[in-house]
Amino acid sequence: MADDDLVFMMGKYEARFPVDRQYSRSHLWLSRTDAGFRVGFTAYAVRLLQDVYFLDWSIDPNTVVKHKQEIGQIESSKAVSTLYAPCEGHVRDFNAALMSDPSLVNVDNYDAGWLYHFETEAPLMSPQEYFAHLEATWEVTQRLLKSQYNE
């Protein structure tokens, strides 16, 4: 990771955020490429999910999606979670390597563990805006996590 990454403390754990990309409220990073954006989970999301071991897409490549449309499922040691489109756009293709080894999300979420290529014109958050969003919601997230552990 780079020296200029932003670091959000999740209790005693660091969640690093590269400043060379944009972010969504749903804890995805979007890095501009020649074909739009490459999308992946932020360190914050990976920390909450813990140990991803299954990933399945419910849409085909080259699908136009709406904001918050269901696009897949992810299973981790914590839960089975539905994946939603971060905003309106076009899912071009998926990272085929994840289908045979979804653990790449755990070990290299900002590089080899990317999820899909995406085209969008929707506004995204800067690293600083995403960091502020985490600060504003962290207290509620902590309460939610504590209630899950106490069930």
Protein backbone atom coordinates (compact mmCIF):
# COMPACT_ATOMS: atom_id res chain seq x y z
CA MET A 1 0.00 0.00 0.00
CA ALA A 2 1.10 3.57 -0.57
CA ASP A 3 2.19 6.09 2.04
CA ASP A 4 -0.62 8.46 1.06
CA ASP A 5 -3.41 5.89 1.64
CA LEU A 6 -6.12 6.96 4.03
CA VAL A 7 -6.37 4.75 7.13
CA PHE A 8 -9.65 4.23 8.96
CA MET A 9 -9.39 2.50 12.33
CA MET A 10 -11.98 -0.23 12.84
CA GLY A 11 -11.31 -0.68 16.53
CA LYS A 12 -7.77 -2.02 16.60
CA TYR A 13 -7.77 -2.94 12.89
CA GLU A 14 -6.62 -0.69 10.05
CA ALA A 15 -8.68 -0.35 6.89
CA ARG A 16 -6.54 1.28 4.18
CA PHE A 17 -7.97 3.21 1.23
CA PRO A 18 -5.87 4.12 -1.80
CA VAL A 19 -6.41 7.73 -2.87
CA ASP A 20 -6.04 6.86 -6.58
CA ARG A 21 -9.64 5.63 -6.95
CA GLN A 22 -13.23 6.52 -6.19
CA TYR A 23 -15.67 4.88 -3.79
CA SER A 24 -19.33 3.98 -3.30
CA ARG A 25 -21.43 4.06 -0.13
CA SER A 26 -21.74 0.28 -0.48
CA HIS A 27 -18.01 -0.14 0.33
CA LEU A 28 -16.74 -0.70 -3.18
CA TRP A 29 -13.74 0.97 -4.81
CA LEU A 30 -13.83 1.98 -8.47
CA SER A 31 -10.58 2.50 -10.37
CA ARG A 32 -10.71 4.11 -13.80
CA THR A 33 -9.48 2.00 -16.74
CA ASP A 34 -9.72 2.39 -20.51
CA ALA A 35 -12.99 0.42 -20.40
CA GLY A 36 -14.68 2.33 -17.56
CA PHE A 37 -13.98 1.21 -13.99
CA ARG A 38 -12.58 -1.86 -12.29
CA VAL A 39 -14.61 -2.54 -9.12
CA GLY A 40 -13.68 -4.30 -5.89
CA PHE A 41 -14.35 -4.45 -2.16
CA THR A 42 -12.74 -1.88 0.11
CA ALA A 43 -10.61 -3.00 3.04
CA TYR A 44 -13.53 -1.99 5.28
CA ALA A 45 -15.86 -4.42 3.47
CA VAL A 46 -13.30 -7.22 3.50
CA ARG A 47 -12.77 -6.75 7.24
CA LEU A 48 -16.53 -6.96 7.88
CA LEU A 49 -16.99 -9.98 5.59
CA GLN A 50 -13.92 -11.93 6.76
CA ASP A 51 -12.78 -15.00 4.83
CA VAL A 52 -14.69 -14.92 1.56
CA TYR A 53 -15.00 -18.43 0.15
CA PHE A 54 -17.83 -18.36 -2.40
CA LEU A 55 -18.96 -15.88 -5.03
CA ASP A 56 -21.75 -16.20 -7.58
CA TRP A 57 -23.15 -13.73 -10.11
CA SER A 58 -26.90 -13.56 -10.78
CA ILE A 59 -26.49 -11.48 -13.95
CA ASP A 60 -24.62 -12.13 -17.17
CA PRO A 61 -21.70 -10.08 -18.48
CA ASN A 62 -22.71 -7.03 -20.54
CA THR A 63 -25.77 -6.29 -18.39
CA VAL A 64 -27.15 -2.80 -17.81
CA VAL A 65 -28.02 -2.42 -14.11
CA LYS A 66 -29.90 0.00 -11.90
CA HIS A 67 -28.63 1.39 -8.62
CA LYS A 68 -29.02 -1.25 -5.87
CA GLN A 69 -30.04 -3.97 -8.35
CA GLU A 70 -29.07 -7.43 -7.14
CA ILE A 71 -26.10 -8.70 -9.15
CA GLY A 72 -24.78 -11.63 -7.12
CA GLN A 73 -24.10 -13.34 -3.81
CA ILE A 74 -21.02 -13.68 -1.67
CA GLU A 75 -20.48 -16.14 1.13
CA SER A 76 -17.95 -15.63 3.89
CA SER A 77 -17.27 -16.95 7.35
CA LYS A 78 -19.62 -14.21 8.64
CA ALA A 79 -22.67 -14.49 6.37
CA VAL A 80 -24.18 -14.96 2.95
CA SER A 81 -24.66 -11.49 1.51
CA THR A 82 -26.36 -10.18 -1.58
CA LEU A 83 -24.25 -8.02 -3.88
CA TYR A 84 -25.87 -4.93 -5.38
CA ALA A 85 -24.85 -2.55 -8.15
CA PRO A 86 -23.17 0.50 -6.57
CA CYS A 87 -24.98 2.82 -8.98
CA GLU A 88 -26.63 2.83 -12.38
CA GLY A 89 -24.34 1.47 -15.08
CA HIS A 90 -23.20 -1.41 -17.25
CA VAL A 91 -21.44 -4.50 -15.87
CA ARG A 92 -19.05 -5.43 -18.69
CA ASP A 93 -17.41 -8.61 -17.41
CA PHE A 94 -16.37 -10.42 -14.24
CA ASN A 95 -12.99 -11.36 -12.82
CA ALA A 96 -12.88 -15.02 -13.92
CA ALA A 97 -10.06 -15.80 -11.47
CA LEU A 98 -12.45 -15.23 -8.55
CA MET A 99 -14.76 -18.01 -9.69
CA SER A 100 -12.04 -20.59 -9.04
CA ASP A 101 -10.39 -18.74 -6.13
CA PRO A 102 -12.64 -16.21 -4.34
CA SER A 103 -10.05 -15.98 -1.54
CA LEU A 104 -8.26 -13.42 -3.74
CA VAL A 105 -10.77 -10.95 -2.27
CA ASN A 106 -9.28 -11.65 1.18
CA VAL A 107 -5.62 -11.41 0.28
CA ASP A 108 -5.47 -8.84 -2.54
CA ASN A 109 -8.72 -6.87 -2.62
CA TYR A 110 -7.17 -3.79 -4.28
CA ASP A 111 -5.53 -5.70 -7.13
CA ALA A 112 -6.04 -9.38 -8.10
CA GLY A 113 -9.25 -9.61 -6.01
CA TRP A 114 -11.24 -7.13 -8.12
CA LEU A 115 -14.84 -8.12 -8.91
CA TYR A 116 -15.94 -6.73 -12.29
CA HIS A 117 -15.54 -4.06 -14.95
CA PHE A 118 -18.22 -1.39 -14.87
CA GLU A 119 -19.23 1.63 -16.94
CA THR A 120 -21.07 4.47 -15.23
CA GLU A 121 -21.62 8.19 -15.41
CA ALA A 122 -23.07 8.29 -11.88
CA PRO A 123 -21.32 10.48 -9.31
CA LEU A 124 -18.95 8.60 -7.02
CA MET A 125 -17.26 9.54 -3.75
CA SER A 126 -13.69 10.76 -3.41
CA PRO A 127 -11.48 8.91 -0.91
CA GLN A 128 -11.99 11.77 1.55
CA GLU A 129 -15.79 11.67 1.13
CA TYR A 130 -15.79 7.90 1.65
CA PHE A 131 -13.65 8.28 4.78
CA ALA A 132 -16.11 10.88 6.15
CA HIS A 133 -18.98 8.48 5.35
CA LEU A 134 -17.25 5.74 7.40
CA GLU A 135 -16.70 8.11 10.31
CA ALA A 136 -20.38 9.11 10.23
CA THR A 137 -21.65 5.51 10.22
CA TRP A 138 -19.02 3.65 12.30
CA GLU A 139 -20.89 3.95 15.62
CA VAL A 140 -24.04 2.39 14.13
CA THR A 141 -21.95 -0.33 12.45
CA GLN A 142 -20.28 -1.20 15.75
CA ARG A 143 -23.65 -1.56 17.49
CA LEU A 144 -24.88 -3.81 14.68
CA LEU A 145 -21.77 -5.99 14.88
CA LYS A 146 -22.04 -6.31 18.67
CA SER A 147 -25.69 -7.36 18.41
CA GLN A 148 -24.75 -10.07 15.87
CA TYR A 149 -22.07 -11.46 18.21
CA ASN A 150 -24.53 -11.56 21.10
CA GLU A 151 -27.21 -13.60 19.27
